[in-house]
Amino acid sequence: MEKRRKSGSVLLLAFALVLASLASASGSSCSEDSALEKDRVQTLPGQDFNVEFAHYSGYVTVDEEAGRALFYWFFEAAEDPASKPLVLWLNGGPGCSSIGYGLAEEVGPFHVKPDGKSLYLNPYSWNQVANILFVDSPAGVGFSYSNNTNDVLSNGDERTAKDSFNFLQKWFKRFPQYKGRDFYLSGESYAGHYVPQLAQVIVRSQKSTGDKSVNLKGYMVGILDLGFFFDMESLIFGSFISTLKSKGSFTQK
């Protein structure tokens, strides 16, 4: 029942976002300003309250030839966004939607009430202290897509990192006010792969081009998945420091 309730909540929020995106898309032009305004979300079904912060959603094409595009939902900080850092959140899986989980059930400002029909503000949302950007990655996850079916079947960490970096470069063109802003990567689970590998791509690009519009300051990953060997090793060590296992059980031969 709990899984069905959560799935229904996620679907409601996702459907609400699609409606809001379609509603805000009318009358757009080709300029960056109009693209930004097109992405702005005015209100959501089930939202019976006002918010002081702006939020935006839409697509950024990361590969023109393949027709591969990533979907994002961005929330400015609740207070004084110009002075706050920018944080990217990525869920893992692989295959978990950052919109459906990270935003709707974890660190985003909009959560769904138990009735599955209405929204409430999460008082612990990370946009209380930062501007937060949620991205469905890689293509095929959540609302992100590719026009080439083989892309979904051949996703890998290397291409995911490259696509995420291409996304950031184009996203900063749409939101130039955030270029050079203190920037942090974050996520959970299989994002233990996505986050450090994206950080590596960013750092290597900075060294080769000198461009620091993506001003990476650090990254953090929770309940991370690094692979079976490292996960098991950390589980054993974690059990020891949490006194779930005695010292003797590690020293016995």
C-alpha atoms as a PDB file:
ATOM      1  CA  MET A   1       0.000   0.000   0.000  1.00  0.00           C
ATOM      2  CA  GLU A   2       2.808   2.399   0.925  1.00  0.00           C
ATOM      3  CA  LYS A   3       4.536   1.817  -2.399  1.00  0.00           C
ATOM      4  CA  ARG A   4       1.265   2.385  -4.272  1.00  0.00           C
ATOM      5  CA  ARG A   5       0.613   5.593  -2.322  1.00  0.00           C
ATOM      6  CA  LYS A   6       4.094   6.928  -3.079  1.00  0.00           C
ATOM      7  CA  SER A   7       3.833   5.945  -6.732  1.00  0.00           C
ATOM      8  CA  GLY A   8       0.491   7.738  -6.979  1.00  0.00           C
ATOM      9  CA  SER A   9       1.942  10.809  -5.333  1.00  0.00           C
ATOM     10  CA  VAL A  10       4.880  10.869  -7.715  1.00  0.00           C
ATOM     11  CA  LEU A  11       2.604  10.452 -10.718  1.00  0.00           C
ATOM     12  CA  LEU A  12       0.392  13.293  -9.499  1.00  0.00           C
ATOM     13  CA  LEU A  13       3.337  15.651  -9.096  1.00  0.00           C
ATOM     14  CA  ALA A  14       4.778  14.593 -12.451  1.00  0.00           C
ATOM     15  CA  PHE A  15       1.428  15.106 -14.189  1.00  0.00           C
ATOM     16  CA  ALA A  16       1.036  18.473 -12.491  1.00  0.00           C
ATOM     17  CA  LEU A  17       4.451  19.511 -13.753  1.00  0.00           C
ATOM     18  CA  VAL A  18       3.628  18.518 -17.314  1.00  0.00           C
ATOM     19  CA  LEU A  19       0.411  20.556 -17.201  1.00  0.00           C
ATOM     20  CA  ALA A  20       2.257  23.548 -15.778  1.00  0.00           C
ATOM     21  CA  SER A  21       5.012  23.288 -18.390  1.00  0.00           C
ATOM     22  CA  LEU A  22       2.512  23.093 -21.228  1.00  0.00           C
ATOM     23  CA  ALA A  23       0.555  26.013 -19.858  1.00  0.00           C
ATOM     24  CA  SER A  24       3.648  28.196 -19.586  1.00  0.00           C
ATOM     25  CA  ALA A  25       4.959  27.269 -23.034  1.00  0.00           C
ATOM     26  CA  SER A  26       2.508  29.353 -25.081  1.00  0.00           C
ATOM     27  CA  GLY A  27       3.680  32.499 -26.842  1.00  0.00           C
ATOM     28  CA  SER A  28       7.405  31.711 -26.626  1.00  0.00           C
ATOM     29  CA  SER A  29      10.095  33.121 -28.932  1.00  0.00           C
ATOM     30  CA  CYS A  30      13.613  31.982 -29.759  1.00  0.00           C
ATOM     31  CA  SER A  31      15.599  34.266 -27.442  1.00  0.00           C
ATOM     32  CA  GLU A  32      17.204  33.065 -24.207  1.00  0.00           C
ATOM     33  CA  ASP A  33      14.968  35.419 -22.219  1.00  0.00           C
ATOM     34  CA  SER A  34      11.838  33.997 -23.760  1.00  0.00           C
ATOM     35  CA  ALA A  35      13.129  30.433 -23.260  1.00  0.00           C
ATOM     36  CA  LEU A  36      13.629  31.240 -19.602  1.00  0.00           C
ATOM     37  CA  GLU A  37      10.164  32.729 -19.281  1.00  0.00           C
ATOM     38  CA  LYS A  38       8.676  29.765 -21.139  1.00  0.00           C
ATOM     39  CA  ASP A  39      10.179  27.441 -18.519  1.00  0.00           C
ATOM     40  CA  ARG A  40       8.784  29.358 -15.562  1.00  0.00           C
ATOM     41  CA  VAL A  41       6.118  27.443 -13.618  1.00  0.00           C
ATOM     42  CA  GLN A  42       3.329  29.685 -12.376  1.00  0.00           C
ATOM     43  CA  THR A  43       1.246  27.233 -10.363  1.00  0.00           C
ATOM     44  CA  LEU A  44       0.532  23.509 -10.001  1.00  0.00           C
ATOM     45  CA  PRO A  45      -2.664  21.474  -9.674  1.00  0.00           C
ATOM     46  CA  GLY A  46      -3.228  20.742  -5.996  1.00  0.00           C
ATOM     47  CA  GLN A  47      -1.332  23.872  -4.953  1.00  0.00           C
ATOM     48  CA  ASP A  48      -3.589  25.967  -2.723  1.00  0.00           C
ATOM     49  CA  PHE A  49      -0.840  28.239  -1.405  1.00  0.00           C
ATOM     50  CA  ASN A  50       1.485  30.889  -2.790  1.00  0.00           C
ATOM     51  CA  VAL A  51       5.264  30.759  -2.811  1.00  0.00           C
ATOM     52  CA  GLU A  52       7.729  33.627  -2.829  1.00  0.00           C
ATOM     53  CA  PHE A  53      10.416  31.795  -4.818  1.00  0.00           C
ATOM     54  CA  ALA A  54      10.508  31.294  -8.589  1.00  0.00           C
ATOM     55  CA  HIS A  55      10.811  27.852 -10.130  1.00  0.00           C
ATOM     56  CA  TYR A  56      11.367  26.640 -13.682  1.00  0.00           C
ATOM     57  CA  SER A  57      11.135  23.384 -15.591  1.00  0.00           C
ATOM     58  CA  GLY A  58      11.937  22.263 -19.106  1.00  0.00           C
ATOM     59  CA  TYR A  59      14.285  20.421 -21.420  1.00  0.00           C
ATOM     60  CA  VAL A  60      17.906  20.965 -22.395  1.00  0.00           C
ATOM     61  CA  THR A  61      19.146  19.124 -25.487  1.00  0.00           C
ATOM     62  CA  VAL A  62      22.517  17.484 -24.802  1.00  0.00           C
ATOM     63  CA  ASP A  63      22.993  15.733 -28.157  1.00  0.00           C
ATOM     64  CA  GLU A  64      21.437  17.301 -31.251  1.00  0.00           C
ATOM     65  CA  GLU A  65      22.240  14.417 -33.585  1.00  0.00           C
ATOM     66  CA  ALA A  66      20.687  11.730 -31.376  1.00  0.00           C
ATOM     67  CA  GLY A  67      17.888  14.008 -30.171  1.00  0.00           C
ATOM     68  CA  ARG A  68      18.853  13.391 -26.565  1.00  0.00           C
ATOM     69  CA  ALA A  69      17.461  15.818 -23.971  1.00  0.00           C
ATOM     70  CA  LEU A  70      17.477  16.011 -20.172  1.00  0.00           C
ATOM     71  CA  PHE A  71      14.575  17.295 -18.120  1.00  0.00           C
ATOM     72  CA  TYR A  72      15.131  19.669 -15.197  1.00  0.00           C
ATOM     73  CA  TRP A  73      13.192  21.416 -12.453  1.00  0.00           C
ATOM     74  CA  PHE A  74      14.947  24.352 -10.817  1.00  0.00           C
ATOM     75  CA  PHE A  75      13.974  26.141  -7.609  1.00  0.00           C
ATOM     76  CA  GLU A  76      15.460  29.441  -6.580  1.00  0.00           C
ATOM     77  CA  ALA A  77      16.255  29.911  -2.916  1.00  0.00           C
ATOM     78  CA  ALA A  78      13.318  30.985  -0.781  1.00  0.00           C
ATOM     79  CA  GLU A  79      15.202  34.114   0.332  1.00  0.00           C
ATOM     80  CA  ASP A  80      17.831  36.203  -1.462  1.00  0.00           C
ATOM     81  CA  PRO A  81      18.707  33.706  -4.222  1.00  0.00           C
ATOM     82  CA  ALA A  82      21.397  36.036  -5.589  1.00  0.00           C
ATOM     83  CA  SER A  83      23.524  35.398  -2.508  1.00  0.00           C
ATOM     84  CA  LYS A  84      22.993  31.631  -2.308  1.00  0.00           C
ATOM     85  CA  PRO A  85      24.998  28.819  -3.930  1.00  0.00           C
ATOM     86  CA  LEU A  86      23.678  26.544  -6.660  1.00  0.00           C
ATOM     87  CA  VAL A  87      23.233  22.825  -5.913  1.00  0.00           C
ATOM     88  CA  LEU A  88      22.613  20.068  -8.448  1.00  0.00           C
ATOM     89  CA  TRP A  89      20.756  16.992  -7.150  1.00  0.00           C
ATOM     90  CA  LEU A  90      20.956  13.620  -8.917  1.00  0.00           C
ATOM     91  CA  ASN A  91      19.187  10.444  -7.859  1.00  0.00           C
ATOM     92  CA  GLY A  92      20.798   7.116  -8.623  1.00  0.00           C
ATOM     93  CA  GLY A  93      19.303   3.713  -9.198  1.00  0.00           C
ATOM     94  CA  PRO A  94      20.442   3.657 -11.914  1.00  0.00           C
ATOM     95  CA  GLY A  95      17.056   4.649 -13.254  1.00  0.00           C
ATOM     96  CA  CYS A  96      15.549   6.661 -10.380  1.00  0.00           C
ATOM     97  CA  SER A  97      14.013  10.011 -11.248  1.00  0.00           C
ATOM     98  CA  SER A  98      15.426  13.042  -9.464  1.00  0.00           C
ATOM     99  CA  ILE A  99      12.012  14.663  -9.917  1.00  0.00           C
ATOM    100  CA  GLY A 100       9.985  11.730  -8.621  1.00  0.00           C
ATOM    101  CA  TYR A 101      12.181  11.009  -5.616  1.00  0.00           C
ATOM    102  CA  GLY A 102      14.733  13.715  -4.801  1.00  0.00           C
ATOM    103  CA  LEU A 103      12.226  16.513  -5.349  1.00  0.00           C
ATOM    104  CA  ALA A 104       8.860  14.948  -4.510  1.00  0.00           C
ATOM    105  CA  GLU A 105       9.867  12.789  -1.549  1.00  0.00           C
ATOM    106  CA  GLU A 106      13.179  14.050  -0.196  1.00  0.00           C
ATOM    107  CA  VAL A 107      14.808  17.492  -0.439  1.00  0.00           C
ATOM    108  CA  GLY A 108      12.477  19.434  -2.757  1.00  0.00           C
ATOM    109  CA  PRO A 109      10.003  22.138  -1.683  1.00  0.00           C
ATOM    110  CA  PHE A 110       6.830  20.474  -3.012  1.00  0.00           C
ATOM    111  CA  HIS A 111       5.640  17.224  -1.463  1.00  0.00           C
ATOM    112  CA  VAL A 112       2.318  15.419  -1.964  1.00  0.00           C
ATOM    113  CA  LYS A 113      -0.191  14.977   0.861  1.00  0.00           C
ATOM    114  CA  PRO A 114      -1.480  11.490   1.795  1.00  0.00           C
ATOM    115  CA  ASP A 115      -4.682  12.149  -0.157  1.00  0.00           C
ATOM    116  CA  GLY A 116      -2.613  11.991  -3.340  1.00  0.00           C
ATOM    117  CA  LYS A 117      -4.351  15.101  -4.669  1.00  0.00           C
ATOM    118  CA  SER A 118      -2.806  18.143  -3.035  1.00  0.00           C
ATOM    119  CA  LEU A 119       0.620  19.571  -2.304  1.00  0.00           C
ATOM    120  CA  TYR A 120       2.287  20.975   0.776  1.00  0.00           C
ATOM    121  CA  LEU A 121       5.511  22.877   1.340  1.00  0.00           C
ATOM    122  CA  ASN A 122       8.385  20.836   2.738  1.00  0.00           C
ATOM    123  CA  PRO A 123       9.805  22.950   5.605  1.00  0.00           C
ATOM    124  CA  TYR A 124      13.142  21.139   5.278  1.00  0.00           C
ATOM    125  CA  SER A 125      13.574  21.783   1.572  1.00  0.00           C
ATOM    126  CA  TRP A 126      17.115  22.537   0.523  1.00  0.00           C
ATOM    127  CA  ASN A 127      15.933  25.659  -1.257  1.00  0.00           C
ATOM    128  CA  GLN A 128      15.713  27.204   2.202  1.00  0.00           C
ATOM    129  CA  VAL A 129      19.500  27.619   1.991  1.00  0.00           C
ATOM    130  CA  ALA A 130      20.407  27.193  -1.693  1.00  0.00           C
ATOM    131  CA  ASN A 131      19.202  27.361  -5.277  1.00  0.00           C
ATOM    132  CA  ILE A 132      18.558  23.730  -6.154  1.00  0.00           C
ATOM    133  CA  LEU A 133      18.477  22.082  -9.566  1.00  0.00           C
ATOM    134  CA  PHE A 134      16.962  18.610 -10.071  1.00  0.00           C
ATOM    135  CA  VAL A 135      17.807  16.739 -13.290  1.00  0.00           C
ATOM    136  CA  ASP A 136      16.459  13.424 -14.591  1.00  0.00           C
ATOM    137  CA  SER A 137      19.595  11.630 -15.788  1.00  0.00           C
ATOM    138  CA  PRO A 138      20.559   9.769 -17.909  1.00  0.00           C
ATOM    139  CA  ALA A 139      18.265   9.895 -20.963  1.00  0.00           C
ATOM    140  CA  GLY A 140      15.413   7.446 -20.481  1.00  0.00           C
ATOM    141  CA  VAL A 141      14.998   8.256 -16.783  1.00  0.00           C
ATOM    142  CA  GLY A 142      11.912  10.198 -15.719  1.00  0.00           C
ATOM    143  CA  PHE A 143      11.010  12.774 -18.361  1.00  0.00           C
ATOM    144  CA  SER A 144      14.456  12.744 -20.029  1.00  0.00           C
ATOM    145  CA  TYR A 145      14.474  11.079 -23.433  1.00  0.00           C
ATOM    146  CA  SER A 146      16.308  10.269 -26.626  1.00  0.00           C
ATOM    147  CA  ASN A 147      14.918   9.964 -30.141  1.00  0.00           C
ATOM    148  CA  ASN A 148      17.328   7.048 -30.608  1.00  0.00           C
ATOM    149  CA  THR A 149      16.059   3.975 -28.741  1.00  0.00           C
ATOM    150  CA  ASN A 150      19.553   2.485 -28.656  1.00  0.00           C
ATOM    151  CA  ASP A 151      20.660   5.358 -26.403  1.00  0.00           C
ATOM    152  CA  VAL A 152      18.457   4.046 -23.611  1.00  0.00           C
ATOM    153  CA  LEU A 153      19.863   0.540 -24.026  1.00  0.00           C
ATOM    154  CA  SER A 154      23.496   1.674 -24.137  1.00  0.00           C
ATOM    155  CA  ASN A 155      23.595   4.194 -21.303  1.00  0.00           C
ATOM    156  CA  GLY A 156      26.833   4.161 -19.330  1.00  0.00           C
ATOM    157  CA  ASP A 157      28.606   6.222 -16.693  1.00  0.00           C
ATOM    158  CA  GLU A 158      30.977   7.890 -19.154  1.00  0.00           C
ATOM    159  CA  ARG A 159      28.245   9.140 -21.482  1.00  0.00           C
ATOM    160  CA  THR A 160      26.050  10.095 -18.524  1.00  0.00           C
ATOM    161  CA  ALA A 161      28.826  12.336 -17.184  1.00  0.00           C
ATOM    162  CA  LYS A 162      29.392  13.876 -20.620  1.00  0.00           C
ATOM    163  CA  ASP A 163      25.669  14.520 -21.132  1.00  0.00           C
ATOM    164  CA  SER A 164      25.350  16.048 -17.669  1.00  0.00           C
ATOM    165  CA  PHE A 165      28.253  18.375 -18.392  1.00  0.00           C
ATOM    166  CA  ASN A 166      26.727  19.384 -21.740  1.00  0.00           C
ATOM    167  CA  PHE A 167      23.476  19.999 -19.889  1.00  0.00           C
ATOM    168  CA  LEU A 168      25.196  22.316 -17.410  1.00  0.00           C
ATOM    169  CA  GLN A 169      26.934  24.313 -20.118  1.00  0.00           C
ATOM    170  CA  LYS A 170      23.654  24.921 -21.947  1.00  0.00           C
ATOM    171  CA  TRP A 171      21.681  25.458 -18.758  1.00  0.00           C
ATOM    172  CA  PHE A 172      24.045  28.253 -17.710  1.00  0.00           C
ATOM    173  CA  LYS A 173      23.387  29.961 -21.038  1.00  0.00           C
ATOM    174  CA  ARG A 174      19.686  29.899 -20.194  1.00  0.00           C
ATOM    175  CA  PHE A 175      20.382  31.094 -16.637  1.00  0.00           C
ATOM    176  CA  PRO A 176      23.469  33.312 -17.085  1.00  0.00           C
ATOM    177  CA  GLN A 177      22.983  34.917 -13.677  1.00  0.00           C
ATOM    178  CA  TYR A 178      24.278  31.673 -12.154  1.00  0.00           C
ATOM    179  CA  LYS A 179      27.513  31.508 -14.151  1.00  0.00           C
ATOM    180  CA  GLY A 180      30.445  31.555 -11.764  1.00  0.00           C
ATOM    181  CA  ARG A 181      28.182  31.012  -8.746  1.00  0.00           C
ATOM    182  CA  ASP A 182      29.503  28.645  -6.064  1.00  0.00           C
ATOM    183  CA  PHE A 183      28.312  25.268  -7.360  1.00  0.00           C
ATOM    184  CA  TYR A 184      27.936  21.938  -5.580  1.00  0.00           C
ATOM    185  CA  LEU A 185      27.040  18.458  -6.821  1.00  0.00           C
ATOM    186  CA  SER A 186      24.907  16.187  -4.647  1.00  0.00           C
ATOM    187  CA  GLY A 187      22.943  12.972  -4.841  1.00  0.00           C
ATOM    188  CA  GLU A 188      22.433   9.527  -3.413  1.00  0.00           C
ATOM    189  CA  SER A 189      22.740   5.818  -4.190  1.00  0.00           C
ATOM    190  CA  TYR A 190      24.146   5.221  -7.692  1.00  0.00           C
ATOM    191  CA  ALA A 191      24.893   8.948  -7.829  1.00  0.00           C
ATOM    192  CA  GLY A 192      28.003   7.705  -6.021  1.00  0.00           C
ATOM    193  CA  HIS A 193      29.080   7.092  -9.630  1.00  0.00           C
ATOM    194  CA  TYR A 194      27.359  10.021 -11.333  1.00  0.00           C
ATOM    195  CA  VAL A 195      28.513  12.787  -8.987  1.00  0.00           C
ATOM    196  CA  PRO A 196      32.306  12.193  -8.748  1.00  0.00           C
ATOM    197  CA  GLN A 197      32.526  11.327 -12.440  1.00  0.00           C
ATOM    198  CA  LEU A 198      30.739  14.547 -13.384  1.00  0.00           C
ATOM    199  CA  ALA A 199      33.059  16.429 -11.025  1.00  0.00           C
ATOM    200  CA  GLN A 200      36.015  14.885 -12.866  1.00  0.00           C
ATOM    201  CA  VAL A 201      34.666  16.018 -16.254  1.00  0.00           C
ATOM    202  CA  ILE A 202      34.160  19.549 -14.919  1.00  0.00           C
ATOM    203  CA  VAL A 203      37.667  19.783 -13.453  1.00  0.00           C
ATOM    204  CA  ARG A 204      39.310  18.399 -16.584  1.00  0.00           C
ATOM    205  CA  SER A 205      37.386  20.871 -18.739  1.00  0.00           C
ATOM    206  CA  GLN A 206      38.479  23.757 -16.528  1.00  0.00           C
ATOM    207  CA  LYS A 207      42.123  22.701 -16.805  1.00  0.00           C
ATOM    208  CA  SER A 208      41.986  22.358 -20.596  1.00  0.00           C
ATOM    209  CA  THR A 209      39.892  25.442 -21.421  1.00  0.00           C
ATOM    210  CA  GLY A 210      40.277  27.773 -18.443  1.00  0.00           C
ATOM    211  CA  ASP A 211      36.493  28.278 -18.443  1.00  0.00           C
ATOM    212  CA  LYS A 212      35.156  28.364 -14.891  1.00  0.00           C
ATOM    213  CA  SER A 213      31.547  29.303 -15.563  1.00  0.00           C
ATOM    214  CA  VAL A 214      30.782  26.005 -13.807  1.00  0.00           C
ATOM    215  CA  ASN A 215      32.410  27.061 -10.542  1.00  0.00           C
ATOM    216  CA  LEU A 216      32.582  23.698  -8.796  1.00  0.00           C
ATOM    217  CA  LYS A 217      33.313  24.007  -5.072  1.00  0.00           C
ATOM    218  CA  GLY A 218      32.620  20.462  -3.906  1.00  0.00           C
ATOM    219  CA  TYR A 219      30.280  17.510  -3.891  1.00  0.00           C
ATOM    220  CA  MET A 220      28.431  15.256  -1.450  1.00  0.00           C
ATOM    221  CA  VAL A 221      26.758  11.877  -1.823  1.00  0.00           C
ATOM    222  CA  GLY A 222      24.526  10.035   0.661  1.00  0.00           C
ATOM    223  CA  ILE A 223      24.001   6.256   0.985  1.00  0.00           C
ATOM    224  CA  LEU A 224      26.302   6.036  -1.989  1.00  0.00           C
ATOM    225  CA  ASP A 225      26.768   3.090  -4.308  1.00  0.00           C
ATOM    226  CA  LEU A 226      30.408   2.755  -5.348  1.00  0.00           C
ATOM    227  CA  GLY A 227      30.270  -0.858  -6.506  1.00  0.00           C
ATOM    228  CA  PHE A 228      29.987  -4.198  -4.682  1.00  0.00           C
ATOM    229  CA  PHE A 229      33.543  -4.417  -3.329  1.00  0.00           C
ATOM    230  CA  PHE A 230      33.678  -0.913  -1.865  1.00  0.00           C
ATOM    231  CA  ASP A 231      30.093  -1.108  -0.605  1.00  0.00           C
ATOM    232  CA  MET A 232      30.748  -4.340   1.304  1.00  0.00           C
ATOM    233  CA  GLU A 233      34.016  -3.024   2.701  1.00  0.00           C
ATOM    234  CA  SER A 234      32.327   0.131   3.974  1.00  0.00           C
ATOM    235  CA  LEU A 235      29.414  -1.904   5.399  1.00  0.00           C
ATOM    236  CA  ILE A 236      31.815  -3.984   7.506  1.00  0.00           C
ATOM    237  CA  PHE A 237      33.711  -0.914   8.706  1.00  0.00           C
ATOM    238  CA  GLY A 238      30.447   0.910   9.407  1.00  0.00           C
ATOM    239  CA  SER A 239      29.196  -2.004  11.473  1.00  0.00           C
ATOM    240  CA  PHE A 240      32.382  -1.881  13.529  1.00  0.00           C
ATOM    241  CA  ILE A 241      32.316   1.841  14.277  1.00  0.00           C
ATOM    242  CA  SER A 242      28.588   1.592  15.081  1.00  0.00           C
ATOM    243  CA  THR A 243      29.444  -1.195  17.600  1.00  0.00           C
ATOM    244  CA  LEU A 244      27.218  -3.637  15.722  1.00  0.00           C
ATOM    245  CA  LYS A 245      30.244  -5.951  15.577  1.00  0.00           C
ATOM    246  CA  SER A 246      32.894  -6.482  18.233  1.00  0.00           C
ATOM    247  CA  LYS A 247      36.587  -5.940  17.743  1.00  0.00           C
ATOM    248  CA  GLY A 248      37.092  -9.626  18.318  1.00  0.00           C
ATOM    249  CA  SER A 249      35.120 -10.585  15.265  1.00  0.00           C
ATOM    250  CA  PHE A 250      37.638  -8.649  13.143  1.00  0.00           C
ATOM    251  CA  THR A 251      40.760 -10.077  14.796  1.00  0.00           C
ATOM    252  CA  GLN A 252      39.789 -13.762  14.982  1.00  0.00           C
ATOM    253  CA  LYS A 253      41.598 -16.031  12.579  1.00  0.00           C
END
